[in-house]
Amino acid sequence: MPRIKAKCKICRRYGERMLMKGERCLGAKCGAIRRGTRPGMHGKARRRAPSEFSSQLQEKQKVRYSYGLTNTGLAKVFAEAVRMPGRTSGTLMQLLERRLDNVIYRAGFAVSRGIARNIVSHGHFLVNGRRVTIPSYRVRAGEVISIRESSKDSPMFAELLERLKKFEPPAWIELKPAEMKAVIRALPKEDELRSERNLRLVVEFYSK
């Protein structure tokens, strides 16, 4: 995962928000909006029209940065998606969305995937009553994600209840704000997934 100081530069490089800093990315402080140019001495130069390969590479990098994966990690997920039945792009999206850190982000427990990954690694969350510290853990239908009782009084969750009351998770996640729990209703279907990325280009990149 890129260093914190470099995250705004990554968004500026690709000319769009990738929400790696949570709420900061939604406001006026977002580097991609506040500065609006690519980093470096030639940042103000006009962007060239990308080639086909460049478009595929850029989209792959955007997916990697958005989900906090290494090149090797994303390649492994893609290889698994290829072996599974169904359309590869949809399967790839489902595998990425089922990551525990992403589910915690989608359920509103964290304002970014980076923060979600951090609090999972520190053991603040339970899956079906058991502590899970692996951000890449893949959730299953019917599983219940909750905050450890000993972690609920932590300052990082001080305003969580009020935020959850106003939060709307995707259809495949049932949120229970009062209990600070989220239930995986079913595995997400392709038409239910919130995709900010063009995974068709990612599939084309790895298929070369």
N, C-alpha and C. Protein backbone atom coordinates (compact mmCIF):
# COMPACT_ATOMS: atom_id res chain seq x y z
N MET A 1 0.85 -1.19 0.00
CA MET A 1 0.00 0.00 0.00
C MET A 1 0.88 1.24 0.00
N PRO A 2 0.55 2.27 -0.78
CA PRO A 2 1.37 3.47 -0.84
C PRO A 2 1.43 4.21 0.48
N ARG A 3 2.51 4.97 0.69
CA ARG A 3 2.64 5.76 1.90
C ARG A 3 1.53 6.81 1.97
N ILE A 4 1.15 7.20 3.20
CA ILE A 4 0.04 8.13 3.40
C ILE A 4 0.29 9.44 2.65
N LYS A 5 1.53 9.96 2.70
CA LYS A 5 1.82 11.23 2.06
C LYS A 5 1.68 11.15 0.55
N ALA A 6 1.78 9.95 -0.01
CA ALA A 6 1.74 9.81 -1.46
C ALA A 6 0.32 9.61 -2.00
N LYS A 7 -0.65 9.41 -1.12
CA LYS A 7 -2.00 9.07 -1.59
C LYS A 7 -2.62 10.18 -2.43
N CYS A 8 -2.46 11.42 -2.01
CA CYS A 8 -3.02 12.53 -2.79
C CYS A 8 -2.33 12.65 -4.14
N LYS A 9 -1.05 12.34 -4.19
CA LYS A 9 -0.33 12.39 -5.46
C LYS A 9 -0.85 11.34 -6.43
N ILE A 10 -1.23 10.19 -5.89
CA ILE A 10 -1.77 9.13 -6.74
C ILE A 10 -3.09 9.58 -7.37
N CYS A 11 -3.96 10.19 -6.57
CA CYS A 11 -5.22 10.70 -7.11
C CYS A 11 -4.98 11.78 -8.15
N ARG A 12 -4.01 12.65 -7.90
CA ARG A 12 -3.69 13.70 -8.87
C ARG A 12 -3.12 13.11 -10.15
N ARG A 13 -2.33 12.06 -10.02
CA ARG A 13 -1.72 11.44 -11.20
C ARG A 13 -2.79 10.93 -12.16
N TYR A 14 -3.86 10.33 -11.59
CA TYR A 14 -4.90 9.76 -12.44
C TYR A 14 -6.08 10.70 -12.65
N GLY A 15 -6.05 11.85 -12.01
CA GLY A 15 -7.06 12.87 -12.25
C GLY A 15 -8.44 12.55 -11.70
N GLU A 16 -8.51 11.76 -10.64
CA GLU A 16 -9.80 11.45 -10.04
C GLU A 16 -9.64 11.04 -8.58
N ARG A 17 -10.73 11.12 -7.84
CA ARG A 17 -10.71 10.73 -6.44
C ARG A 17 -10.78 9.22 -6.31
N MET A 18 -9.90 8.64 -5.50
CA MET A 18 -9.94 7.21 -5.25
C MET A 18 -10.25 6.89 -3.80
N LEU A 19 -10.62 7.93 -3.04
CA LEU A 19 -11.15 7.77 -1.68
C LEU A 19 -10.22 6.99 -0.77
N MET A 20 -8.93 7.22 -0.89
CA MET A 20 -7.98 6.51 -0.04
C MET A 20 -7.79 7.18 1.31
N LYS A 21 -8.31 8.42 1.46
CA LYS A 21 -8.23 9.11 2.74
C LYS A 21 -9.60 9.37 3.34
N GLY A 22 -10.58 8.62 2.91
CA GLY A 22 -11.90 8.71 3.51
C GLY A 22 -12.58 10.04 3.28
N GLU A 23 -13.08 10.65 4.36
CA GLU A 23 -13.87 11.88 4.27
C GLU A 23 -13.07 13.05 3.71
N ARG A 24 -11.77 13.05 3.89
CA ARG A 24 -10.95 14.12 3.34
C ARG A 24 -11.09 14.19 1.82
N CYS A 25 -11.25 13.03 1.19
CA CYS A 25 -11.36 12.98 -0.26
C CYS A 25 -12.68 13.55 -0.77
N LEU A 26 -13.68 13.66 0.12
CA LEU A 26 -14.99 14.14 -0.29
C LEU A 26 -15.14 15.65 -0.17
N GLY A 27 -14.17 16.29 0.50
CA GLY A 27 -14.27 17.72 0.74
C GLY A 27 -13.33 18.54 -0.13
N ALA A 28 -13.23 19.81 0.23
CA ALA A 28 -12.41 20.74 -0.55
C ALA A 28 -10.92 20.49 -0.38
N LYS A 29 -10.53 19.72 0.64
CA LYS A 29 -9.11 19.45 0.89
C LYS A 29 -8.55 18.35 0.00
N CYS A 30 -9.41 17.70 -0.77
CA CYS A 30 -8.95 16.63 -1.66
C CYS A 30 -7.89 17.18 -2.62
N GLY A 31 -6.73 16.53 -2.67
CA GLY A 31 -5.64 16.99 -3.51
C GLY A 31 -5.98 17.02 -4.98
N ALA A 32 -6.77 16.04 -5.44
CA ALA A 32 -7.13 15.98 -6.86
C ALA A 32 -8.00 17.15 -7.26
N ILE A 33 -8.78 17.69 -6.31
CA ILE A 33 -9.65 18.83 -6.59
C ILE A 33 -8.94 20.15 -6.28
N ARG A 34 -8.25 20.19 -5.15
CA ARG A 34 -7.62 21.44 -4.71
C ARG A 34 -6.52 21.89 -5.65
N ARG A 35 -5.73 20.95 -6.15
CA ARG A 35 -4.63 21.31 -7.03
C ARG A 35 -4.95 21.02 -8.49
N GLY A 36 -5.58 19.90 -8.74
CA GLY A 36 -6.10 19.63 -10.07
C GLY A 36 -5.08 19.34 -11.16
N THR A 37 -3.81 19.24 -10.81
CA THR A 37 -2.79 18.94 -11.81
C THR A 37 -2.01 17.71 -11.37
N ARG A 38 -1.33 17.09 -12.30
CA ARG A 38 -0.49 15.95 -11.96
C ARG A 38 0.70 16.40 -11.14
N PRO A 39 1.24 15.55 -10.27
CA PRO A 39 2.42 15.92 -9.50
C PRO A 39 3.65 16.02 -10.40
N GLY A 40 4.63 16.79 -9.95
CA GLY A 40 5.87 16.92 -10.72
C GLY A 40 5.94 18.21 -11.50
N MET A 41 7.13 18.49 -12.04
CA MET A 41 7.37 19.77 -12.72
C MET A 41 6.59 19.90 -14.03
N HIS A 42 6.17 18.77 -14.60
CA HIS A 42 5.42 18.82 -15.85
C HIS A 42 3.93 18.56 -15.63
N GLY A 43 3.50 18.73 -14.38
CA GLY A 43 2.12 18.41 -14.04
C GLY A 43 1.08 19.24 -14.76
N LYS A 44 1.43 20.48 -15.12
CA LYS A 44 0.46 21.36 -15.78
C LYS A 44 0.38 21.13 -17.28
N ALA A 45 1.26 20.30 -17.80
CA ALA A 45 1.23 20.02 -19.24
C ALA A 45 -0.04 19.26 -19.61
N ARG A 46 -0.50 19.44 -20.82
CA ARG A 46 -1.73 18.79 -21.27
C ARG A 46 -1.53 17.27 -21.31
N ARG A 47 -2.53 16.56 -20.83
CA ARG A 47 -2.45 15.10 -20.82
C ARG A 47 -2.60 14.55 -22.23
N ARG A 48 -1.77 13.60 -22.57
CA ARG A 48 -1.89 12.95 -23.87
C ARG A 48 -3.03 11.94 -23.83
N ALA A 49 -3.61 11.69 -24.99
CA ALA A 49 -4.63 10.65 -25.08
C ALA A 49 -3.96 9.30 -24.83
N PRO A 50 -4.42 8.53 -23.85
CA PRO A 50 -3.75 7.26 -23.53
C PRO A 50 -3.93 6.22 -24.62
N SER A 51 -2.92 5.38 -24.78
CA SER A 51 -3.03 4.26 -25.71
C SER A 51 -3.92 3.18 -25.08
N GLU A 52 -4.22 2.15 -25.85
CA GLU A 52 -5.05 1.06 -25.33
C GLU A 52 -4.38 0.39 -24.14
N PHE A 53 -3.08 0.11 -24.28
CA PHE A 53 -2.36 -0.53 -23.17
C PHE A 53 -2.28 0.39 -21.96
N SER A 54 -2.06 1.68 -22.21
CA SER A 54 -1.97 2.64 -21.11
C SER A 54 -3.29 2.70 -20.33
N SER A 55 -4.41 2.68 -21.04
CA SER A 55 -5.72 2.70 -20.38
C SER A 55 -5.92 1.47 -19.51
N GLN A 56 -5.50 0.32 -20.03
CA GLN A 56 -5.63 -0.93 -19.28
C GLN A 56 -4.74 -0.91 -18.04
N LEU A 57 -3.50 -0.45 -18.21
CA LEU A 57 -2.56 -0.39 -17.09
C LEU A 57 -3.06 0.57 -16.02
N GLN A 58 -3.54 1.74 -16.44
CA GLN A 58 -4.02 2.72 -15.48
C GLN A 58 -5.21 2.19 -14.68
N GLU A 59 -6.11 1.50 -15.36
CA GLU A 59 -7.29 0.97 -14.66
C GLU A 59 -6.88 -0.12 -13.67
N LYS A 60 -5.90 -0.93 -14.06
CA LYS A 60 -5.40 -1.96 -13.13
C LYS A 60 -4.79 -1.31 -11.90
N GLN A 61 -4.03 -0.24 -12.10
CA GLN A 61 -3.41 0.46 -10.99
C GLN A 61 -4.46 1.12 -10.09
N LYS A 62 -5.50 1.66 -10.68
CA LYS A 62 -6.57 2.28 -9.89
C LYS A 62 -7.25 1.25 -9.00
N VAL A 63 -7.50 0.06 -9.55
CA VAL A 63 -8.11 -1.02 -8.75
C VAL A 63 -7.17 -1.41 -7.62
N ARG A 64 -5.90 -1.53 -7.93
CA ARG A 64 -4.91 -1.93 -6.93
C ARG A 64 -4.83 -0.93 -5.79
N TYR A 65 -4.77 0.35 -6.12
CA TYR A 65 -4.69 1.38 -5.09
C TYR A 65 -6.00 1.48 -4.30
N SER A 66 -7.13 1.36 -4.99
CA SER A 66 -8.42 1.49 -4.32
C SER A 66 -8.61 0.42 -3.25
N TYR A 67 -8.21 -0.81 -3.56
CA TYR A 67 -8.40 -1.92 -2.62
C TYR A 67 -7.16 -2.19 -1.77
N GLY A 68 -6.09 -1.42 -1.97
CA GLY A 68 -4.90 -1.57 -1.14
C GLY A 68 -4.14 -2.85 -1.38
N LEU A 69 -4.06 -3.29 -2.64
CA LEU A 69 -3.39 -4.54 -2.98
C LEU A 69 -2.05 -4.29 -3.64
N THR A 70 -1.17 -5.27 -3.53
CA THR A 70 0.07 -5.24 -4.29
C THR A 70 -0.20 -5.77 -5.69
N ASN A 71 0.75 -5.60 -6.59
CA ASN A 71 0.59 -6.16 -7.94
C ASN A 71 0.42 -7.67 -7.89
N THR A 72 1.22 -8.32 -7.04
CA THR A 72 1.13 -9.77 -6.90
C THR A 72 -0.21 -10.19 -6.33
N GLY A 73 -0.68 -9.43 -5.33
CA GLY A 73 -1.96 -9.76 -4.71
C GLY A 73 -3.12 -9.67 -5.68
N LEU A 74 -3.15 -8.61 -6.49
CA LEU A 74 -4.24 -8.46 -7.46
C LEU A 74 -4.15 -9.53 -8.54
N ALA A 75 -2.93 -9.87 -8.96
CA ALA A 75 -2.76 -10.91 -9.98
C ALA A 75 -3.27 -12.26 -9.47
N LYS A 76 -3.07 -12.55 -8.18
CA LYS A 76 -3.55 -13.81 -7.60
C LYS A 76 -5.08 -13.85 -7.58
N VAL A 77 -5.69 -12.72 -7.23
CA VAL A 77 -7.16 -12.66 -7.22
C VAL A 77 -7.70 -12.84 -8.63
N PHE A 78 -7.05 -12.23 -9.61
CA PHE A 78 -7.49 -12.38 -10.99
C PHE A 78 -7.37 -13.84 -11.44
N ALA A 79 -6.25 -14.49 -11.11
CA ALA A 79 -6.05 -15.88 -11.50
C ALA A 79 -7.14 -16.77 -10.90
N GLU A 80 -7.56 -16.46 -9.69
CA GLU A 80 -8.64 -17.22 -9.06
C GLU A 80 -9.97 -16.96 -9.76
N ALA A 81 -10.21 -15.69 -10.15
CA ALA A 81 -11.45 -15.34 -10.84
C ALA A 81 -11.56 -16.05 -12.18
N VAL A 82 -10.44 -16.21 -12.87
CA VAL A 82 -10.44 -16.88 -14.18
C VAL A 82 -10.88 -18.34 -14.05
N ARG A 83 -10.49 -18.97 -12.96
CA ARG A 83 -10.81 -20.39 -12.77
C ARG A 83 -12.25 -20.62 -12.34
N MET A 84 -12.93 -19.57 -11.93
CA MET A 84 -14.30 -19.72 -11.43
C MET A 84 -15.30 -19.53 -12.57
N PRO A 85 -16.50 -20.13 -12.46
CA PRO A 85 -17.51 -19.97 -13.51
C PRO A 85 -18.06 -18.55 -13.54
N GLY A 86 -18.60 -18.16 -14.70
CA GLY A 86 -19.18 -16.84 -14.83
C GLY A 86 -18.25 -15.87 -15.53
N ARG A 87 -18.73 -14.64 -15.69
CA ARG A 87 -17.94 -13.62 -16.36
C ARG A 87 -16.79 -13.19 -15.47
N THR A 88 -15.59 -13.16 -16.01
CA THR A 88 -14.39 -12.92 -15.20
C THR A 88 -14.43 -11.56 -14.51
N SER A 89 -14.87 -10.52 -15.21
CA SER A 89 -14.89 -9.19 -14.60
C SER A 89 -15.83 -9.14 -13.40
N GLY A 90 -17.01 -9.77 -13.53
CA GLY A 90 -17.96 -9.79 -12.43
C GLY A 90 -17.46 -10.62 -11.26
N THR A 91 -16.83 -11.76 -11.56
CA THR A 91 -16.28 -12.61 -10.51
C THR A 91 -15.14 -11.91 -9.78
N LEU A 92 -14.30 -11.22 -10.54
CA LEU A 92 -13.19 -10.47 -9.93
C LEU A 92 -13.73 -9.41 -8.99
N MET A 93 -14.77 -8.70 -9.42
CA MET A 93 -15.36 -7.67 -8.58
C MET A 93 -15.92 -8.27 -7.30
N GLN A 94 -16.58 -9.42 -7.42
CA GLN A 94 -17.16 -10.06 -6.24
C GLN A 94 -16.08 -10.48 -5.25
N LEU A 95 -14.99 -11.05 -5.75
CA LEU A 95 -13.91 -11.48 -4.86
C LEU A 95 -13.30 -10.29 -4.12
N LEU A 96 -13.15 -9.17 -4.81
CA LEU A 96 -12.59 -7.98 -4.17
C LEU A 96 -13.56 -7.41 -3.13
N GLU A 97 -14.85 -7.41 -3.45
CA GLU A 97 -15.84 -6.85 -2.54
C GLU A 97 -16.04 -7.71 -1.30
N ARG A 98 -15.73 -8.99 -1.39
CA ARG A 98 -15.93 -9.90 -0.25
C ARG A 98 -14.79 -9.85 0.76
N ARG A 99 -13.75 -9.10 0.48
CA ARG A 99 -12.67 -8.94 1.45
C ARG A 99 -13.23 -8.30 2.73
N LEU A 100 -12.76 -8.76 3.88
CA LEU A 100 -13.29 -8.27 5.15
C LEU A 100 -13.06 -6.77 5.31
N ASP A 101 -11.88 -6.27 4.93
CA ASP A 101 -11.65 -4.83 5.08
C ASP A 101 -12.60 -4.02 4.21
N ASN A 102 -12.92 -4.53 3.02
CA ASN A 102 -13.87 -3.83 2.15
C ASN A 102 -15.28 -3.88 2.72
N VAL A 103 -15.68 -5.02 3.28
CA VAL A 103 -17.02 -5.15 3.86
C VAL A 103 -17.20 -4.17 5.02
N ILE A 104 -16.17 -4.04 5.85
CA ILE A 104 -16.23 -3.10 6.97
C ILE A 104 -16.35 -1.66 6.45
N TYR A 105 -15.67 -1.37 5.37
CA TYR A 105 -15.78 -0.05 4.74
C TYR A 105 -17.18 0.15 4.15
N ARG A 106 -17.68 -0.84 3.43
CA ARG A 106 -19.00 -0.74 2.80
C ARG A 106 -20.12 -0.67 3.84
N ALA A 107 -19.90 -1.28 5.01
CA ALA A 107 -20.92 -1.27 6.06
C ALA A 107 -20.90 0.02 6.87
N GLY A 108 -19.90 0.87 6.66
CA GLY A 108 -19.84 2.15 7.35
C GLY A 108 -19.05 2.15 8.64
N PHE A 109 -18.40 1.03 8.98
CA PHE A 109 -17.61 0.98 10.21
C PHE A 109 -16.31 1.77 10.09
N ALA A 110 -15.87 2.03 8.87
CA ALA A 110 -14.65 2.80 8.63
C ALA A 110 -14.88 3.73 7.44
N VAL A 111 -14.19 4.87 7.43
CA VAL A 111 -14.40 5.85 6.37
C VAL A 111 -13.53 5.60 5.15
N SER A 112 -12.61 4.64 5.24
CA SER A 112 -11.79 4.28 4.08
C SER A 112 -11.35 2.83 4.23
N ARG A 113 -10.96 2.23 3.13
CA ARG A 113 -10.49 0.85 3.19
C ARG A 113 -9.17 0.76 3.95
N GLY A 114 -8.35 1.80 3.86
CA GLY A 114 -7.09 1.79 4.59
C GLY A 114 -7.30 1.74 6.09
N ILE A 115 -8.24 2.53 6.59
CA ILE A 115 -8.56 2.51 8.02
C ILE A 115 -9.17 1.16 8.39
N ALA A 116 -10.04 0.64 7.53
CA ALA A 116 -10.66 -0.66 7.79
C ALA A 116 -9.60 -1.75 7.90
N ARG A 117 -8.63 -1.71 6.99
CA ARG A 117 -7.55 -2.71 7.02
C ARG A 117 -6.76 -2.62 8.32
N ASN A 118 -6.55 -1.41 8.79
CA ASN A 118 -5.78 -1.20 10.02
C ASN A 118 -6.51 -1.73 11.25
N ILE A 119 -7.80 -1.42 11.37
CA ILE A 119 -8.53 -1.85 12.56
C ILE A 119 -8.81 -3.35 12.55
N VAL A 120 -8.89 -3.95 11.36
CA VAL A 120 -9.01 -5.41 11.30
C VAL A 120 -7.71 -6.05 11.77
N SER A 121 -6.59 -5.53 11.30
CA SER A 121 -5.28 -6.08 11.67
C SER A 121 -5.04 -6.00 13.17
N HIS A 122 -5.63 -4.99 13.82
CA HIS A 122 -5.44 -4.82 15.26
C HIS A 122 -6.48 -5.60 16.08
N GLY A 123 -7.28 -6.41 15.41
CA GLY A 123 -8.17 -7.33 16.12
C GLY A 123 -9.42 -6.72 16.72
N HIS A 124 -9.94 -5.64 16.13
CA HIS A 124 -11.13 -5.00 16.69
C HIS A 124 -12.43 -5.62 16.21
N PHE A 125 -12.38 -6.54 15.23
CA PHE A 125 -13.62 -7.08 14.66
C PHE A 125 -13.72 -8.59 14.83
N LEU A 126 -14.97 -9.04 14.93
CA LEU A 126 -15.28 -10.46 15.04
C LEU A 126 -16.10 -10.89 13.83
N VAL A 127 -15.90 -12.12 13.41
CA VAL A 127 -16.74 -12.73 12.37
C VAL A 127 -17.36 -13.97 12.99
N ASN A 128 -18.69 -13.95 13.13
CA ASN A 128 -19.40 -15.04 13.82
C ASN A 128 -18.84 -15.28 15.21
N GLY A 129 -18.49 -14.19 15.90
CA GLY A 129 -18.02 -14.30 17.28
C GLY A 129 -16.55 -14.60 17.44
N ARG A 130 -15.83 -14.81 16.35
CA ARG A 130 -14.40 -15.12 16.43
C ARG A 130 -13.59 -13.97 15.87
N ARG A 131 -12.52 -13.64 16.56
CA ARG A 131 -11.69 -12.52 16.11
C ARG A 131 -10.94 -12.91 14.83
N VAL A 132 -11.00 -12.02 13.86
CA VAL A 132 -10.30 -12.21 12.58
C VAL A 132 -9.38 -11.02 12.38
N THR A 133 -8.12 -11.28 12.14
CA THR A 133 -7.13 -10.20 11.97
C THR A 133 -6.54 -10.17 10.56
N ILE A 134 -7.20 -10.85 9.63
CA ILE A 134 -6.70 -10.92 8.25
C ILE A 134 -7.61 -10.07 7.37
N PRO A 135 -7.15 -8.91 6.89
CA PRO A 135 -7.99 -8.04 6.06
C PRO A 135 -8.51 -8.70 4.79
N SER A 136 -7.75 -9.65 4.25
CA SER A 136 -8.16 -10.30 3.00
C SER A 136 -9.12 -11.47 3.23
N TYR A 137 -9.50 -11.72 4.49
CA TYR A 137 -10.47 -12.78 4.77
C TYR A 137 -11.71 -12.56 3.92
N ARG A 138 -12.20 -13.62 3.30
CA ARG A 138 -13.32 -13.52 2.38
C ARG A 138 -14.62 -13.92 3.08
N VAL A 139 -15.54 -12.98 3.20
CA VAL A 139 -16.78 -13.25 3.94
C VAL A 139 -17.69 -14.18 3.14
N ARG A 140 -18.59 -14.86 3.85
CA ARG A 140 -19.56 -15.77 3.25
C ARG A 140 -20.97 -15.32 3.62
N ALA A 141 -21.93 -15.80 2.86
CA ALA A 141 -23.33 -15.46 3.13
C ALA A 141 -23.72 -15.94 4.52
N GLY A 142 -24.43 -15.10 5.26
CA GLY A 142 -24.90 -15.46 6.59
C GLY A 142 -23.96 -15.09 7.72
N GLU A 143 -22.73 -14.70 7.40
CA GLU A 143 -21.79 -14.36 8.46
C GLU A 143 -22.13 -13.00 9.08
N VAL A 144 -21.80 -12.88 10.36
CA VAL A 144 -22.09 -11.66 11.12
C VAL A 144 -20.77 -11.00 11.50
N ILE A 145 -20.63 -9.74 11.12
CA ILE A 145 -19.43 -8.97 11.45
C ILE A 145 -19.78 -8.00 12.57
N SER A 146 -19.02 -8.02 13.64
CA SER A 146 -19.31 -7.16 14.79
C SER A 146 -18.02 -6.64 15.40
N ILE A 147 -18.17 -5.60 16.23
CA ILE A 147 -17.02 -5.02 16.93
C ILE A 147 -16.85 -5.73 18.27
N ARG A 148 -15.63 -6.01 18.63
CA ARG A 148 -15.36 -6.63 19.93
C ARG A 148 -15.89 -5.74 21.06
N GLU A 149 -16.43 -6.37 22.08
CA GLU A 149 -16.99 -5.61 23.21
C GLU A 149 -15.93 -4.71 23.83
N SER A 150 -14.71 -5.22 23.96
CA SER A 150 -13.65 -4.43 24.58
C SER A 150 -13.19 -3.27 23.71
N SER A 151 -13.58 -3.28 22.43
CA SER A 151 -13.16 -2.21 21.52
C SER A 151 -14.22 -1.12 21.35
N LYS A 152 -15.45 -1.38 21.79
CA LYS A 152 -16.54 -0.43 21.56
C LYS A 152 -16.32 0.90 22.28
N ASP A 153 -15.56 0.88 23.39
CA ASP A 153 -15.30 2.10 24.14
C ASP A 153 -14.07 2.85 23.62
N SER A 154 -13.46 2.32 22.58
CA SER A 154 -12.27 2.97 22.02
C SER A 154 -12.64 4.31 21.39
N PRO A 155 -11.78 5.33 21.51
CA PRO A 155 -12.07 6.64 20.91
C PRO A 155 -12.33 6.57 19.41
N MET A 156 -11.75 5.59 18.72
CA MET A 156 -11.94 5.50 17.27
C MET A 156 -13.38 5.17 16.89
N PHE A 157 -14.15 4.61 17.85
CA PHE A 157 -15.55 4.27 17.59
C PHE A 157 -16.51 5.19 18.34
N ALA A 158 -16.01 6.31 18.85
CA ALA A 158 -16.82 7.20 19.69
C ALA A 158 -18.05 7.73 18.95
N GLU A 159 -17.90 8.08 17.68
CA GLU A 159 -19.01 8.66 16.91
C GLU A 159 -19.61 7.67 15.92
N LEU A 160 -19.25 6.42 16.06
CA LEU A 160 -19.67 5.43 15.07
C LEU A 160 -21.18 5.21 15.06
N LEU A 161 -21.81 5.14 16.22
CA LEU A 161 -23.24 4.84 16.28
C LEU A 161 -24.05 5.88 15.52
N GLU A 162 -23.74 7.15 15.71
CA GLU A 162 -24.47 8.21 15.01
C GLU A 162 -24.25 8.13 13.51
N ARG A 163 -23.03 7.77 13.11
CA ARG A 163 -22.74 7.66 11.68
C ARG A 163 -23.47 6.48 11.06
N LEU A 164 -23.55 5.37 11.79
CA LEU A 164 -24.22 4.18 11.26
C LEU A 164 -25.72 4.41 11.08
N LYS A 165 -26.33 5.22 11.95
CA LYS A 165 -27.77 5.48 11.84
C LYS A 165 -28.13 6.16 10.52
N LYS A 166 -27.19 6.91 9.96
CA LYS A 166 -27.44 7.64 8.72
C LYS A 166 -26.86 6.92 7.49
N PHE A 167 -26.15 5.83 7.73
CA PHE A 167 -25.42 5.18 6.64
C PHE A 167 -26.31 4.18 5.91
N GLU A 168 -26.16 4.12 4.59
CA GLU A 168 -26.91 3.16 3.77
C GLU A 168 -25.93 2.20 3.10
N PRO A 169 -25.85 0.97 3.58
CA PRO A 169 -24.93 -0.01 2.99
C PRO A 169 -25.52 -0.57 1.70
N PRO A 170 -24.74 -1.29 0.92
CA PRO A 170 -25.28 -1.95 -0.28
C PRO A 170 -26.30 -3.01 0.10
N ALA A 171 -27.10 -3.43 -0.87
CA ALA A 171 -28.23 -4.33 -0.60
C ALA A 171 -27.80 -5.68 -0.02
N TRP A 172 -26.60 -6.12 -0.32
CA TRP A 172 -26.18 -7.45 0.14
C TRP A 172 -25.64 -7.45 1.57
N ILE A 173 -25.62 -6.26 2.20
CA ILE A 173 -25.20 -6.14 3.59
C ILE A 173 -26.35 -5.58 4.42
N GLU A 174 -26.72 -6.27 5.49
CA GLU A 174 -27.75 -5.77 6.41
C GLU A 174 -27.05 -5.15 7.62
N LEU A 175 -27.29 -3.88 7.83
CA LEU A 175 -26.63 -3.16 8.91
C LEU A 175 -27.56 -3.05 10.11
N LYS A 176 -27.03 -3.34 11.30
CA LYS A 176 -27.77 -3.21 12.55
C LYS A 176 -27.05 -2.20 13.44
N PRO A 177 -27.35 -0.91 13.27
CA PRO A 177 -26.60 0.14 13.98
C PRO A 177 -26.62 0.00 15.50
N ALA A 178 -27.78 -0.30 16.08
CA ALA A 178 -27.88 -0.37 17.54
C ALA A 178 -26.96 -1.44 18.12
N GLU A 179 -26.78 -2.53 17.38
CA GLU A 179 -25.93 -3.62 17.85
C GLU A 179 -24.51 -3.51 17.31
N MET A 180 -24.29 -2.52 16.44
CA MET A 180 -22.99 -2.35 15.78
C MET A 180 -22.57 -3.65 15.10
N LYS A 181 -23.50 -4.18 14.32
CA LYS A 181 -23.26 -5.42 13.59
C LYS A 181 -23.66 -5.26 12.13
N ALA A 182 -23.09 -6.11 11.30
CA ALA A 182 -23.46 -6.18 9.89
C ALA A 182 -23.59 -7.65 9.52
N VAL A 183 -24.65 -7.98 8.80
CA VAL A 183 -24.91 -9.36 8.39
C VAL A 183 -24.80 -9.45 6.87
N ILE A 184 -24.08 -10.45 6.40
CA ILE A 184 -23.95 -10.67 4.96
C ILE A 184 -25.20 -11.43 4.51
N ARG A 185 -26.13 -10.73 3.89
CA ARG A 185 -27.39 -11.35 3.49
C ARG A 185 -27.17 -12.45 2.46
N ALA A 186 -26.34 -12.17 1.48
CA ALA A 186 -26.03 -13.13 0.41
C ALA A 186 -24.77 -12.65 -0.27
N LEU A 187 -24.16 -13.52 -1.04
CA LEU A 187 -22.99 -13.09 -1.80
C LEU A 187 -23.43 -12.04 -2.82
N PRO A 188 -22.66 -10.99 -2.97
CA PRO A 188 -23.08 -9.91 -3.88
C PRO A 188 -23.15 -10.37 -5.32
N LYS A 189 -24.23 -9.97 -6.00
CA LYS A 189 -24.36 -10.26 -7.43
C LYS A 189 -23.75 -9.10 -8.22
N GLU A 190 -23.42 -9.39 -9.45
CA GLU A 190 -22.71 -8.40 -10.26
C GLU A 190 -23.51 -7.11 -10.39
N ASP A 191 -24.84 -7.21 -10.54
CA ASP A 191 -25.65 -6.00 -10.71
C ASP A 191 -25.86 -5.24 -9.41
N GLU A 192 -25.45 -5.82 -8.26
CA GLU A 192 -25.58 -5.15 -6.97
C GLU A 192 -24.30 -4.45 -6.54
N LEU A 193 -23.22 -4.72 -7.24
CA LEU A 193 -21.92 -4.21 -6.81
C LEU A 193 -21.73 -2.77 -7.23
N ARG A 194 -21.15 -2.01 -6.32
CA ARG A 194 -20.79 -0.62 -6.62
C ARG A 194 -19.39 -0.62 -7.21
N SER A 195 -19.30 -0.46 -8.49
CA SER A 195 -17.99 -0.50 -9.13
C SER A 195 -17.63 0.89 -9.67
N GLU A 196 -16.58 1.47 -9.08
CA GLU A 196 -16.08 2.74 -9.59
C GLU A 196 -15.05 2.52 -10.68
N ARG A 197 -14.71 1.27 -10.93
CA ARG A 197 -13.64 0.93 -11.87
C ARG A 197 -14.19 0.14 -13.05
N ASN A 198 -13.48 0.22 -14.17
CA ASN A 198 -13.84 -0.54 -15.37
C ASN A 198 -13.03 -1.83 -15.37
N LEU A 199 -13.59 -2.88 -14.80
CA LEU A 199 -12.84 -4.13 -14.65
C LEU A 199 -12.64 -4.86 -15.98
N ARG A 200 -13.39 -4.48 -16.99
CA ARG A 200 -13.16 -5.08 -18.31
C ARG A 200 -11.75 -4.76 -18.79
N LEU A 201 -11.29 -3.55 -18.53
CA LEU A 201 -9.92 -3.17 -18.92
C LEU A 201 -8.89 -3.94 -18.11
N VAL A 202 -9.20 -4.22 -16.85
CA VAL A 202 -8.28 -4.99 -16.00
C VAL A 202 -8.15 -6.42 -16.54
N VAL A 203 -9.29 -7.00 -16.93
CA VAL A 203 -9.27 -8.35 -17.50
C VAL A 203 -8.45 -8.36 -18.79
N GLU A 204 -8.62 -7.35 -19.62
CA GLU A 204 -7.86 -7.27 -20.87
C GLU A 204 -6.37 -7.13 -20.58
N PHE A 205 -6.01 -6.38 -19.54
CA PHE A 205 -4.60 -6.21 -19.19
C PHE A 205 -3.96 -7.55 -18.83
N TYR A 206 -4.62 -8.32 -17.98
CA TYR A 206 -4.05 -9.59 -17.53
C TYR A 206 -4.18 -10.69 -18.59
N SER A 207 -5.02 -10.48 -19.59
CA SER A 207 -5.23 -11.51 -20.60
C SER A 207 -4.22 -11.44 -21.74
N LYS A 208 -3.37 -10.44 -21.73
CA LYS A 208 -2.39 -10.29 -22.82
C LYS A 208 -1.33 -11.38 -22.75
